Amino acid sequence: MVSRPKVGLALGGGGTRGAAHVGVLRVLLQEGVPIDCVAGTSMGSVVGGLYCAGLSVDSIQDKFLNKKLMRSFLTVPIYVRIAAIPIFYVPRIFGIKQYDGFYRGGKFRHFLNTSVPESNRDIEKLKTPFGAVALNLIDGQIYILNKGNLGRALQASAAVPVLRKPVMMGDKLFVDGGVTANLPVKEARQLGADIVIAVDVDERFEPVPQDVFKTGGSVAHRVLTLHLSKVDEDQLKNADIVIHPEVNGIGLISTKVNDIKSAITAGEVAARAAMPEIRRKLQVNGIVLNKDRVLPVTRNSEPELQQQ
């Protein structure tokens, strides 16, 4: 068997902006780019996990456009959850304590599991190696969840602090990996990738007028944008190729169909623009793209649950 370097995807977190990953995947597959493993954080893990579990790009796109994915993520509108905060504290009066967060995530996990064939609900059984990146609150370390139930791993990787309750797995308590590893390039290499294509769906951090910060939520949004841009700096440097869709202005938890469509289109446009560099980089490494045929790759045994 002729072997070649493994090509891995690192799909970053970004909430609704993560729909751009669908557009990127569509272009890469149309162009015959081999995808030998996928590491994803938060919404990047959701898109990557569904793809590795056998769903077509069109099927994943439909789950965004028909709003079923976001509705399962936000089971009731966020303003309703905020209004109900006093009710959530009633059990504490009787000594019943729950993990901090507005949403448990059970419906989201169920939706993800039932979206894929039953035979593909265990990550280690997936044809394409996959890892969901999550942060363990107990030891403060990043882990690659590449064993066990797919839906639960995706639930953990997308457990946005405060918004979602952390997810217990064994003796670990996981939240969204985007806290410290929003663009999992290093994790893609740990899955075996020799060449990593990173898809960054962060908003671009650019100067803005002072008056912007007189609107509600503007300061928190700006701080989050800055945090993500700083968190991803080292990972971006470690990527072989970076695709950065233009997703500025799309809210993290937007359920607007126009925002979702814009993100998908932005992913396609950015991937098309990156194709000359992708072809060049792959060719330098002995991979010549052929839309009808891709050379096989020699796989090693899959790594266990990994800690950075």
C-alpha atoms as a PDB file:
ATOM      1  CA  MET A   1       0.000   0.000   0.000  1.00  0.00           C
ATOM      2  CA  VAL A   2       1.271   3.463  -0.919  1.00  0.00           C
ATOM      3  CA  SER A   3       1.209   5.728   2.107  1.00  0.00           C
ATOM      4  CA  ARG A   4       1.132   9.491   2.345  1.00  0.00           C
ATOM      5  CA  PRO A   5       1.156  12.105   5.113  1.00  0.00           C
ATOM      6  CA  LYS A   6      -2.067  12.376   7.107  1.00  0.00           C
ATOM      7  CA  VAL A   7      -4.144  15.500   6.639  1.00  0.00           C
ATOM      8  CA  GLY A   8      -6.096  16.703   9.671  1.00  0.00           C
ATOM      9  CA  LEU A   9      -8.681  19.404  10.243  1.00  0.00           C
ATOM     10  CA  ALA A  10      -8.739  21.653  13.302  1.00  0.00           C
ATOM     11  CA  LEU A  11     -12.229  23.149  13.548  1.00  0.00           C
ATOM     12  CA  GLY A  12     -12.499  26.064  15.952  1.00  0.00           C
ATOM     13  CA  GLY A  13     -15.305  27.068  18.272  1.00  0.00           C
ATOM     14  CA  GLY A  14     -17.578  29.991  17.552  1.00  0.00           C
ATOM     15  CA  GLY A  15     -21.226  29.168  18.181  1.00  0.00           C
ATOM     16  CA  THR A  16     -23.424  29.985  15.199  1.00  0.00           C
ATOM     17  CA  ARG A  17     -20.345  31.208  13.343  1.00  0.00           C
ATOM     18  CA  GLY A  18     -19.290  27.553  13.346  1.00  0.00           C
ATOM     19  CA  ALA A  19     -21.772  26.986  10.512  1.00  0.00           C
ATOM     20  CA  ALA A  20     -18.906  28.262   8.355  1.00  0.00           C
ATOM     21  CA  HIS A  21     -17.259  24.860   8.887  1.00  0.00           C
ATOM     22  CA  VAL A  22     -20.012  23.367   6.733  1.00  0.00           C
ATOM     23  CA  GLY A  23     -19.040  25.582   3.806  1.00  0.00           C
ATOM     24  CA  VAL A  24     -15.352  24.800   4.282  1.00  0.00           C
ATOM     25  CA  LEU A  25     -16.001  21.049   4.389  1.00  0.00           C
ATOM     26  CA  ARG A  26     -18.083  21.231   1.223  1.00  0.00           C
ATOM     27  CA  VAL A  27     -15.264  22.877  -0.745  1.00  0.00           C
ATOM     28  CA  LEU A  28     -12.519  20.602   0.606  1.00  0.00           C
ATOM     29  CA  LEU A  29     -14.510  17.499  -0.317  1.00  0.00           C
ATOM     30  CA  GLN A  30     -15.394  18.861  -3.759  1.00  0.00           C
ATOM     31  CA  GLU A  31     -11.708  19.505  -4.403  1.00  0.00           C
ATOM     32  CA  GLY A  32     -10.680  16.016  -3.267  1.00  0.00           C
ATOM     33  CA  VAL A  33      -8.716  17.141  -0.207  1.00  0.00           C
ATOM     34  CA  PRO A  34      -8.189  14.058   1.990  1.00  0.00           C
ATOM     35  CA  ILE A  35      -9.461  14.335   5.557  1.00  0.00           C
ATOM     36  CA  ASP A  36      -7.768  11.713   7.714  1.00  0.00           C
ATOM     37  CA  CYS A  37      -8.691  13.023  11.167  1.00  0.00           C
ATOM     38  CA  VAL A  38     -10.630  15.864  12.744  1.00  0.00           C
ATOM     39  CA  ALA A  39     -10.193  17.696  16.042  1.00  0.00           C
ATOM     40  CA  GLY A  40     -12.934  20.117  16.993  1.00  0.00           C
ATOM     41  CA  THR A  41     -13.742  22.540  19.774  1.00  0.00           C
ATOM     42  CA  SER A  42     -17.305  23.513  20.725  1.00  0.00           C
ATOM     43  CA  MET A  43     -19.321  24.041  17.508  1.00  0.00           C
ATOM     44  CA  GLY A  44     -16.273  22.874  15.573  1.00  0.00           C
ATOM     45  CA  SER A  45     -16.535  19.580  17.440  1.00  0.00           C
ATOM     46  CA  VAL A  46     -20.244  19.332  16.630  1.00  0.00           C
ATOM     47  CA  VAL A  47     -19.724  19.817  12.885  1.00  0.00           C
ATOM     48  CA  GLY A  48     -16.614  17.624  12.849  1.00  0.00           C
ATOM     49  CA  GLY A  49     -18.218  14.898  14.947  1.00  0.00           C
ATOM     50  CA  LEU A  50     -21.324  14.701  12.762  1.00  0.00           C
ATOM     51  CA  TYR A  51     -19.161  14.563   9.634  1.00  0.00           C
ATOM     52  CA  CYS A  52     -16.909  11.825  11.014  1.00  0.00           C
ATOM     53  CA  ALA A  53     -20.032   9.893  12.058  1.00  0.00           C
ATOM     54  CA  GLY A  54     -21.074   9.682   8.424  1.00  0.00           C
ATOM     55  CA  LEU A  55     -23.418  12.629   7.874  1.00  0.00           C
ATOM     56  CA  SER A  56     -23.179  14.397   4.536  1.00  0.00           C
ATOM     57  CA  VAL A  57     -22.357  18.087   4.364  1.00  0.00           C
ATOM     58  CA  ASP A  58     -25.881  18.771   3.072  1.00  0.00           C
ATOM     59  CA  SER A  59     -27.386  16.917   6.025  1.00  0.00           C
ATOM     60  CA  ILE A  60     -25.333  18.914   8.527  1.00  0.00           C
ATOM     61  CA  GLN A  61     -26.285  22.114   6.740  1.00  0.00           C
ATOM     62  CA  ASP A  62     -29.976  21.208   6.976  1.00  0.00           C
ATOM     63  CA  LYS A  63     -29.676  20.802  10.744  1.00  0.00           C
ATOM     64  CA  PHE A  64     -28.435  24.383  10.935  1.00  0.00           C
ATOM     65  CA  LEU A  65     -30.950  25.853   8.503  1.00  0.00           C
ATOM     66  CA  ASN A  66     -34.023  24.146   9.954  1.00  0.00           C
ATOM     67  CA  LYS A  67     -32.868  25.450  13.370  1.00  0.00           C
ATOM     68  CA  LYS A  68     -33.090  22.006  14.980  1.00  0.00           C
ATOM     69  CA  LEU A  69     -29.447  22.075  16.017  1.00  0.00           C
ATOM     70  CA  MET A  70     -29.557  25.481  17.725  1.00  0.00           C
ATOM     71  CA  ARG A  71     -32.975  24.784  19.244  1.00  0.00           C
ATOM     72  CA  SER A  72     -31.624  21.632  20.849  1.00  0.00           C
ATOM     73  CA  PHE A  73     -28.651  23.622  22.112  1.00  0.00           C
ATOM     74  CA  LEU A  74     -30.859  26.404  23.531  1.00  0.00           C
ATOM     75  CA  THR A  75     -33.921  24.443  24.653  1.00  0.00           C
ATOM     76  CA  VAL A  76     -35.721  27.660  25.623  1.00  0.00           C
ATOM     77  CA  PRO A  77     -34.827  31.272  24.773  1.00  0.00           C
ATOM     78  CA  ILE A  78     -31.958  32.585  26.866  1.00  0.00           C
ATOM     79  CA  TYR A  79     -34.054  35.472  28.246  1.00  0.00           C
ATOM     80  CA  VAL A  80     -36.528  32.940  29.667  1.00  0.00           C
ATOM     81  CA  ARG A  81     -33.712  31.101  31.426  1.00  0.00           C
ATOM     82  CA  ILE A  82     -32.404  34.350  32.893  1.00  0.00           C
ATOM     83  CA  ALA A  83     -35.879  35.310  34.125  1.00  0.00           C
ATOM     84  CA  ALA A  84     -36.180  31.885  35.770  1.00  0.00           C
ATOM     85  CA  ILE A  85     -32.910  32.152  37.724  1.00  0.00           C
ATOM     86  CA  PRO A  86     -34.720  32.670  41.069  1.00  0.00           C
ATOM     87  CA  ILE A  87     -36.636  29.430  40.498  1.00  0.00           C
ATOM     88  CA  PHE A  88     -33.387  27.518  39.986  1.00  0.00           C
ATOM     89  CA  TYR A  89     -32.245  28.501  43.459  1.00  0.00           C
ATOM     90  CA  VAL A  90     -35.320  27.012  45.185  1.00  0.00           C
ATOM     91  CA  PRO A  91     -33.789  23.478  45.366  1.00  0.00           C
ATOM     92  CA  ARG A  92     -30.742  24.936  47.134  1.00  0.00           C
ATOM     93  CA  ILE A  93     -32.988  25.962  50.008  1.00  0.00           C
ATOM     94  CA  PHE A  94     -33.628  22.259  50.575  1.00  0.00           C
ATOM     95  CA  GLY A  95     -29.954  21.347  50.274  1.00  0.00           C
ATOM     96  CA  ILE A  96     -30.124  20.161  46.651  1.00  0.00           C
ATOM     97  CA  LYS A  97     -27.207  21.584  44.700  1.00  0.00           C
ATOM     98  CA  GLN A  98     -26.558  21.376  40.958  1.00  0.00           C
ATOM     99  CA  TYR A  99     -23.646  22.406  38.779  1.00  0.00           C
ATOM    100  CA  ASP A 100     -23.609  26.043  37.743  1.00  0.00           C
ATOM    101  CA  GLY A 101     -25.167  26.896  34.368  1.00  0.00           C
ATOM    102  CA  PHE A 102     -28.513  27.637  32.678  1.00  0.00           C
ATOM    103  CA  TYR A 103     -28.816  24.505  30.491  1.00  0.00           C
ATOM    104  CA  ARG A 104     -28.107  20.869  31.330  1.00  0.00           C
ATOM    105  CA  GLY A 105     -27.523  19.786  27.747  1.00  0.00           C
ATOM    106  CA  GLY A 106     -29.389  16.465  27.843  1.00  0.00           C
ATOM    107  CA  LYS A 107     -31.645  17.391  24.932  1.00  0.00           C
ATOM    108  CA  PHE A 108     -28.634  18.528  22.930  1.00  0.00           C
ATOM    109  CA  ARG A 109     -26.830  15.216  23.569  1.00  0.00           C
ATOM    110  CA  HIS A 110     -29.940  13.237  22.596  1.00  0.00           C
ATOM    111  CA  PHE A 111     -30.349  15.257  19.392  1.00  0.00           C
ATOM    112  CA  LEU A 112     -26.734  14.650  18.380  1.00  0.00           C
ATOM    113  CA  ASN A 113     -26.848  10.922  19.133  1.00  0.00           C
ATOM    114  CA  THR A 114     -30.094  10.384  17.235  1.00  0.00           C
ATOM    115  CA  SER A 115     -28.751  12.381  14.286  1.00  0.00           C
ATOM    116  CA  VAL A 116     -26.191   9.693  13.482  1.00  0.00           C
ATOM    117  CA  PRO A 117     -26.489   5.944  12.798  1.00  0.00           C
ATOM    118  CA  GLU A 118     -26.564   3.881  15.986  1.00  0.00           C
ATOM    119  CA  SER A 119     -23.413   2.071  14.859  1.00  0.00           C
ATOM    120  CA  ASN A 120     -21.532   5.400  14.840  1.00  0.00           C
ATOM    121  CA  ARG A 121     -22.398   6.645  18.325  1.00  0.00           C
ATOM    122  CA  ASP A 122     -19.116   5.429  19.825  1.00  0.00           C
ATOM    123  CA  ILE A 123     -16.227   7.671  18.799  1.00  0.00           C
ATOM    124  CA  GLU A 124     -13.691   4.853  18.568  1.00  0.00           C
ATOM    125  CA  LYS A 125     -15.848   3.149  15.926  1.00  0.00           C
ATOM    126  CA  LEU A 126     -15.835   6.108  13.543  1.00  0.00           C
ATOM    127  CA  LYS A 127     -14.154   5.533  10.187  1.00  0.00           C
ATOM    128  CA  THR A 128     -12.425   8.911  10.378  1.00  0.00           C
ATOM    129  CA  PRO A 129     -10.555   9.445  13.678  1.00  0.00           C
ATOM    130  CA  PHE A 130     -12.156  12.254  15.670  1.00  0.00           C
ATOM    131  CA  GLY A 131     -11.526  14.079  18.928  1.00  0.00           C
ATOM    132  CA  ALA A 132     -13.698  16.611  20.761  1.00  0.00           C
ATOM    133  CA  VAL A 133     -11.652  19.092  22.772  1.00  0.00           C
ATOM    134  CA  ALA A 134     -12.852  19.990  26.280  1.00  0.00           C
ATOM    135  CA  LEU A 135     -11.463  21.562  29.457  1.00  0.00           C
ATOM    136  CA  ASN A 136     -11.508  19.615  32.730  1.00  0.00           C
ATOM    137  CA  LEU A 137     -12.474  22.071  35.479  1.00  0.00           C
ATOM    138  CA  ILE A 138     -10.962  19.874  38.176  1.00  0.00           C
ATOM    139  CA  ASP A 139      -7.339  19.880  37.013  1.00  0.00           C
ATOM    140  CA  GLY A 140      -7.535  22.765  34.540  1.00  0.00           C
ATOM    141  CA  GLN A 141      -6.205  20.633  31.678  1.00  0.00           C
ATOM    142  CA  ILE A 142      -7.382  20.230  28.081  1.00  0.00           C
ATOM    143  CA  TYR A 143      -8.402  16.728  26.984  1.00  0.00           C
ATOM    144  CA  ILE A 144      -9.131  15.146  23.612  1.00  0.00           C
ATOM    145  CA  LEU A 145     -12.303  13.096  23.973  1.00  0.00           C
ATOM    146  CA  ASN A 146     -11.787  10.359  21.399  1.00  0.00           C
ATOM    147  CA  LYS A 147     -13.430   7.444  23.181  1.00  0.00           C
ATOM    148  CA  GLY A 148     -16.977   6.771  24.338  1.00  0.00           C
ATOM    149  CA  ASN A 149     -20.351   8.211  23.417  1.00  0.00           C
ATOM    150  CA  LEU A 150     -20.207  10.811  20.632  1.00  0.00           C
ATOM    151  CA  GLY A 151     -23.160  12.895  21.828  1.00  0.00           C
ATOM    152  CA  ARG A 152     -21.816  13.178  25.354  1.00  0.00           C
ATOM    153  CA  ALA A 153     -18.357  14.185  24.129  1.00  0.00           C
ATOM    154  CA  LEU A 154     -19.875  16.884  21.910  1.00  0.00           C
ATOM    155  CA  GLN A 155     -22.069  18.036  24.790  1.00  0.00           C
ATOM    156  CA  ALA A 156     -18.944  18.423  26.942  1.00  0.00           C
ATOM    157  CA  SER A 157     -16.923  20.209  24.266  1.00  0.00           C
ATOM    158  CA  ALA A 158     -19.764  22.705  23.713  1.00  0.00           C
ATOM    159  CA  ALA A 159     -20.628  23.280  27.394  1.00  0.00           C
ATOM    160  CA  VAL A 160     -20.141  27.045  27.335  1.00  0.00           C
ATOM    161  CA  PRO A 161     -19.421  28.205  30.926  1.00  0.00           C
ATOM    162  CA  VAL A 162     -22.382  29.885  32.652  1.00  0.00           C
ATOM    163  CA  LEU A 163     -24.649  29.166  29.670  1.00  0.00           C
ATOM    164  CA  ARG A 164     -24.313  25.375  29.948  1.00  0.00           C
ATOM    165  CA  LYS A 165     -23.737  23.137  32.955  1.00  0.00           C
ATOM    166  CA  PRO A 166     -20.423  21.229  32.973  1.00  0.00           C
ATOM    167  CA  VAL A 167     -20.489  17.574  31.972  1.00  0.00           C
ATOM    168  CA  MET A 168     -19.210  14.833  34.275  1.00  0.00           C
ATOM    169  CA  MET A 169     -17.313  12.018  32.541  1.00  0.00           C
ATOM    170  CA  GLY A 170     -15.679   9.567  34.927  1.00  0.00           C
ATOM    171  CA  ASP A 171     -13.759  11.614  37.477  1.00  0.00           C
ATOM    172  CA  LYS A 172     -13.545  14.667  35.201  1.00  0.00           C
ATOM    173  CA  LEU A 173     -15.864  17.663  34.878  1.00  0.00           C
ATOM    174  CA  PHE A 174     -15.769  19.147  31.393  1.00  0.00           C
ATOM    175  CA  VAL A 175     -16.679  22.510  29.874  1.00  0.00           C
ATOM    176  CA  ASP A 176     -16.181  24.090  26.457  1.00  0.00           C
ATOM    177  CA  GLY A 177     -12.603  23.586  25.286  1.00  0.00           C
ATOM    178  CA  GLY A 178     -12.625  27.087  23.803  1.00  0.00           C
ATOM    179  CA  VAL A 179     -11.697  28.489  27.205  1.00  0.00           C
ATOM    180  CA  THR A 180      -8.050  27.622  26.522  1.00  0.00           C
ATOM    181  CA  ALA A 181      -7.949  25.697  23.190  1.00  0.00           C
ATOM    182  CA  ASN A 182     -10.486  27.268  20.856  1.00  0.00           C
ATOM    183  CA  LEU A 183      -8.582  26.295  17.687  1.00  0.00           C
ATOM    184  CA  PRO A 184      -7.319  22.719  18.265  1.00  0.00           C
ATOM    185  CA  VAL A 185      -4.308  22.538  15.961  1.00  0.00           C
ATOM    186  CA  LYS A 186      -2.075  20.845  18.539  1.00  0.00           C
ATOM    187  CA  GLU A 187      -4.858  18.370  19.271  1.00  0.00           C
ATOM    188  CA  ALA A 188      -5.225  17.526  15.556  1.00  0.00           C
ATOM    189  CA  ARG A 189      -1.535  16.636  15.510  1.00  0.00           C
ATOM    190  CA  GLN A 190      -2.027  14.468  18.590  1.00  0.00           C
ATOM    191  CA  LEU A 191      -4.655  12.546  16.624  1.00  0.00           C
ATOM    192  CA  GLY A 192      -1.956  11.781  14.049  1.00  0.00           C
ATOM    193  CA  ALA A 193      -2.137  14.647  11.539  1.00  0.00           C
ATOM    194  CA  ASP A 194       1.092  15.493   9.715  1.00  0.00           C
ATOM    195  CA  ILE A 195      -0.491  18.435   7.904  1.00  0.00           C
ATOM    196  CA  VAL A 196      -3.140  20.532   9.679  1.00  0.00           C
ATOM    197  CA  ILE A 197      -5.721  22.725   7.988  1.00  0.00           C
ATOM    198  CA  ALA A 198      -7.129  25.041  10.664  1.00  0.00           C
ATOM    199  CA  VAL A 199     -10.510  26.728  10.309  1.00  0.00           C
ATOM    200  CA  ASP A 200     -10.692  29.840  12.486  1.00  0.00           C
ATOM    201  CA  VAL A 201     -14.227  31.193  12.954  1.00  0.00           C
ATOM    202  CA  ASP A 202     -13.304  33.950  15.417  1.00  0.00           C
ATOM    203  CA  GLU A 203     -14.372  37.483  14.638  1.00  0.00           C
ATOM    204  CA  ARG A 204     -11.432  39.526  13.411  1.00  0.00           C
ATOM    205  CA  PHE A 205     -10.178  41.830  16.152  1.00  0.00           C
ATOM    206  CA  GLU A 206     -10.068  45.332  14.716  1.00  0.00           C
ATOM    207  CA  PRO A 207     -10.273  48.880  16.177  1.00  0.00           C
ATOM    208  CA  VAL A 208     -13.834  50.127  16.733  1.00  0.00           C
ATOM    209  CA  PRO A 209     -15.303  53.547  17.606  1.00  0.00           C
ATOM    210  CA  GLN A 210     -15.517  54.458  21.292  1.00  0.00           C
ATOM    211  CA  ASP A 211     -19.287  54.948  21.158  1.00  0.00           C
ATOM    212  CA  VAL A 212     -19.753  51.254  20.391  1.00  0.00           C
ATOM    213  CA  PHE A 213     -19.268  50.526  24.082  1.00  0.00           C
ATOM    214  CA  LYS A 214     -22.323  52.536  25.107  1.00  0.00           C
ATOM    215  CA  THR A 215     -24.625  49.727  23.981  1.00  0.00           C
ATOM    216  CA  GLY A 216     -25.638  46.851  26.246  1.00  0.00           C
ATOM    217  CA  GLY A 217     -23.370  43.804  26.130  1.00  0.00           C
ATOM    218  CA  SER A 218     -20.764  45.548  23.975  1.00  0.00           C
ATOM    219  CA  VAL A 219     -17.975  45.377  26.560  1.00  0.00           C
ATOM    220  CA  ALA A 220     -18.486  41.669  27.257  1.00  0.00           C
ATOM    221  CA  HIS A 221     -18.567  40.953  23.515  1.00  0.00           C
ATOM    222  CA  ARG A 222     -15.351  42.887  22.956  1.00  0.00           C
ATOM    223  CA  VAL A 223     -13.566  41.151  25.824  1.00  0.00           C
ATOM    224  CA  LEU A 224     -14.637  37.736  24.522  1.00  0.00           C
ATOM    225  CA  THR A 225     -13.444  38.584  21.011  1.00  0.00           C
ATOM    226  CA  LEU A 226     -10.081  39.698  22.398  1.00  0.00           C
ATOM    227  CA  HIS A 227      -9.779  36.601  24.584  1.00  0.00           C
ATOM    228  CA  LEU A 228     -10.424  34.224  21.685  1.00  0.00           C
ATOM    229  CA  SER A 229      -7.997  36.043  19.388  1.00  0.00           C
ATOM    230  CA  LYS A 230      -5.260  35.777  22.031  1.00  0.00           C
ATOM    231  CA  VAL A 231      -6.036  32.157  22.931  1.00  0.00           C
ATOM    232  CA  ASP A 232      -5.746  31.122  19.282  1.00  0.00           C
ATOM    233  CA  GLU A 233      -2.469  32.926  18.467  1.00  0.00           C
ATOM    234  CA  ASP A 234      -0.081  30.050  19.202  1.00  0.00           C
ATOM    235  CA  GLN A 235      -2.363  27.482  17.607  1.00  0.00           C
ATOM    236  CA  LEU A 236      -2.561  29.552  14.411  1.00  0.00           C
ATOM    237  CA  LYS A 237       1.235  29.623  14.217  1.00  0.00           C
ATOM    238  CA  ASN A 238       1.305  25.829  14.500  1.00  0.00           C
ATOM    239  CA  ALA A 239      -1.109  25.269  11.591  1.00  0.00           C
ATOM    240  CA  ASP A 240       0.128  24.493   8.088  1.00  0.00           C
ATOM    241  CA  ILE A 241      -2.832  26.228   6.455  1.00  0.00           C
ATOM    242  CA  VAL A 242      -5.377  28.612   7.998  1.00  0.00           C
ATOM    243  CA  ILE A 243      -8.840  29.265   6.600  1.00  0.00           C
ATOM    244  CA  HIS A 244     -10.498  32.288   8.216  1.00  0.00           C
ATOM    245  CA  PRO A 245     -14.071  32.906   7.016  1.00  0.00           C
ATOM    246  CA  GLU A 246     -15.421  36.447   7.279  1.00  0.00           C
ATOM    247  CA  VAL A 247     -17.973  35.994  10.075  1.00  0.00           C
ATOM    248  CA  ASN A 248     -17.873  39.398  11.786  1.00  0.00           C
ATOM    249  CA  GLY A 249     -21.287  40.495  12.940  1.00  0.00           C
ATOM    250  CA  ILE A 250     -22.704  36.991  13.403  1.00  0.00           C
ATOM    251  CA  GLY A 251     -23.695  36.414  17.034  1.00  0.00           C
ATOM    252  CA  LEU A 252     -22.424  33.407  18.955  1.00  0.00           C
ATOM    253  CA  ILE A 253     -25.930  32.126  19.703  1.00  0.00           C
ATOM    254  CA  SER A 254     -27.819  33.649  16.792  1.00  0.00           C
ATOM    255  CA  THR A 255     -30.711  31.543  15.483  1.00  0.00           C
ATOM    256  CA  LYS A 256     -31.330  33.781  12.457  1.00  0.00           C
ATOM    257  CA  VAL A 257     -31.380  31.789   9.227  1.00  0.00           C
ATOM    258  CA  ASN A 258     -29.718  34.667   7.372  1.00  0.00           C
ATOM    259  CA  ASP A 259     -26.793  34.577   9.824  1.00  0.00           C
ATOM    260  CA  ILE A 260     -26.436  30.822   9.344  1.00  0.00           C
ATOM    261  CA  LYS A 261     -26.541  31.158   5.558  1.00  0.00           C
ATOM    262  CA  SER A 262     -23.992  33.975   5.702  1.00  0.00           C
ATOM    263  CA  ALA A 263     -21.642  31.839   7.806  1.00  0.00           C
ATOM    264  CA  ILE A 264     -21.915  28.853   5.438  1.00  0.00           C
ATOM    265  CA  THR A 265     -21.282  31.073   2.416  1.00  0.00           C
ATOM    266  CA  ALA A 266     -18.335  32.729   4.176  1.00  0.00           C
ATOM    267  CA  GLY A 267     -16.853  29.286   4.766  1.00  0.00           C
ATOM    268  CA  GLU A 268     -17.167  28.380   1.101  1.00  0.00           C
ATOM    269  CA  VAL A 269     -15.654  31.672  -0.058  1.00  0.00           C
ATOM    270  CA  ALA A 270     -12.718  31.435   2.346  1.00  0.00           C
ATOM    271  CA  ALA A 271     -12.020  27.798   1.444  1.00  0.00           C
ATOM    272  CA  ARG A 272     -12.062  28.581  -2.290  1.00  0.00           C
ATOM    273  CA  ALA A 273      -9.618  31.420  -1.705  1.00  0.00           C
ATOM    274  CA  ALA A 274      -7.340  29.060   0.265  1.00  0.00           C
ATOM    275  CA  MET A 275      -7.332  26.245  -2.309  1.00  0.00           C
ATOM    276  CA  PRO A 276      -4.221  27.415  -4.263  1.00  0.00           C
ATOM    277  CA  GLU A 277      -2.208  27.402  -1.015  1.00  0.00           C
ATOM    278  CA  ILE A 278      -3.727  24.080   0.050  1.00  0.00           C
ATOM    279  CA  ARG A 279      -2.787  22.477  -3.286  1.00  0.00           C
ATOM    280  CA  ARG A 280       0.737  23.874  -3.065  1.00  0.00           C
ATOM    281  CA  LYS A 281       1.260  22.748   0.528  1.00  0.00           C
ATOM    282  CA  LEU A 282      -0.098  19.266  -0.122  1.00  0.00           C
ATOM    283  CA  GLN A 283       1.922  18.879  -3.315  1.00  0.00           C
ATOM    284  CA  VAL A 284       5.124  19.798  -1.460  1.00  0.00           C
ATOM    285  CA  ASN A 285       4.288  16.913   0.865  1.00  0.00           C
ATOM    286  CA  GLY A 286       3.696  14.491  -1.996  1.00  0.00           C
ATOM    287  CA  ILE A 287      -0.096  14.751  -2.185  1.00  0.00           C
ATOM    288  CA  VAL A 288      -1.512  15.654  -5.588  1.00  0.00           C
ATOM    289  CA  LEU A 289      -5.240  16.337  -5.447  1.00  0.00           C
ATOM    290  CA  ASN A 290      -7.496  14.211  -7.581  1.00  0.00           C
ATOM    291  CA  LYS A 291     -11.236  14.670  -7.085  1.00  0.00           C
ATOM    292  CA  ASP A 292     -11.860  11.027  -7.980  1.00  0.00           C
ATOM    293  CA  ARG A 293      -8.986   9.312  -6.188  1.00  0.00           C
ATOM    294  CA  VAL A 294      -6.962   9.898  -3.039  1.00  0.00           C
ATOM    295  CA  LEU A 295      -3.938   7.815  -2.118  1.00  0.00           C
ATOM    296  CA  PRO A 296      -4.472   5.663   0.995  1.00  0.00           C
ATOM    297  CA  VAL A 297      -2.785   6.475   4.259  1.00  0.00           C
ATOM    298  CA  THR A 298      -1.270   3.994   6.667  1.00  0.00           C
ATOM    299  CA  ARG A 299      -3.083   4.394  10.016  1.00  0.00           C
ATOM    300  CA  ASN A 300      -1.551   3.814  13.406  1.00  0.00           C
ATOM    301  CA  SER A 301      -3.542   2.615  16.403  1.00  0.00           C
ATOM    302  CA  GLU A 302      -5.765   5.336  17.810  1.00  0.00           C
ATOM    303  CA  PRO A 303      -4.590   7.202  20.932  1.00  0.00           C
ATOM    304  CA  GLU A 304      -6.459   6.959  24.199  1.00  0.00           C
ATOM    305  CA  LEU A 305      -8.115   9.891  25.964  1.00  0.00           C
ATOM    306  CA  GLN A 306      -5.335  12.466  25.904  1.00  0.00           C
ATOM    307  CA  GLN A 307      -4.314  15.265  28.198  1.00  0.00           C
ATOM    308  CA  GLN A 308      -2.186  18.151  27.048  1.00  0.00           C
END
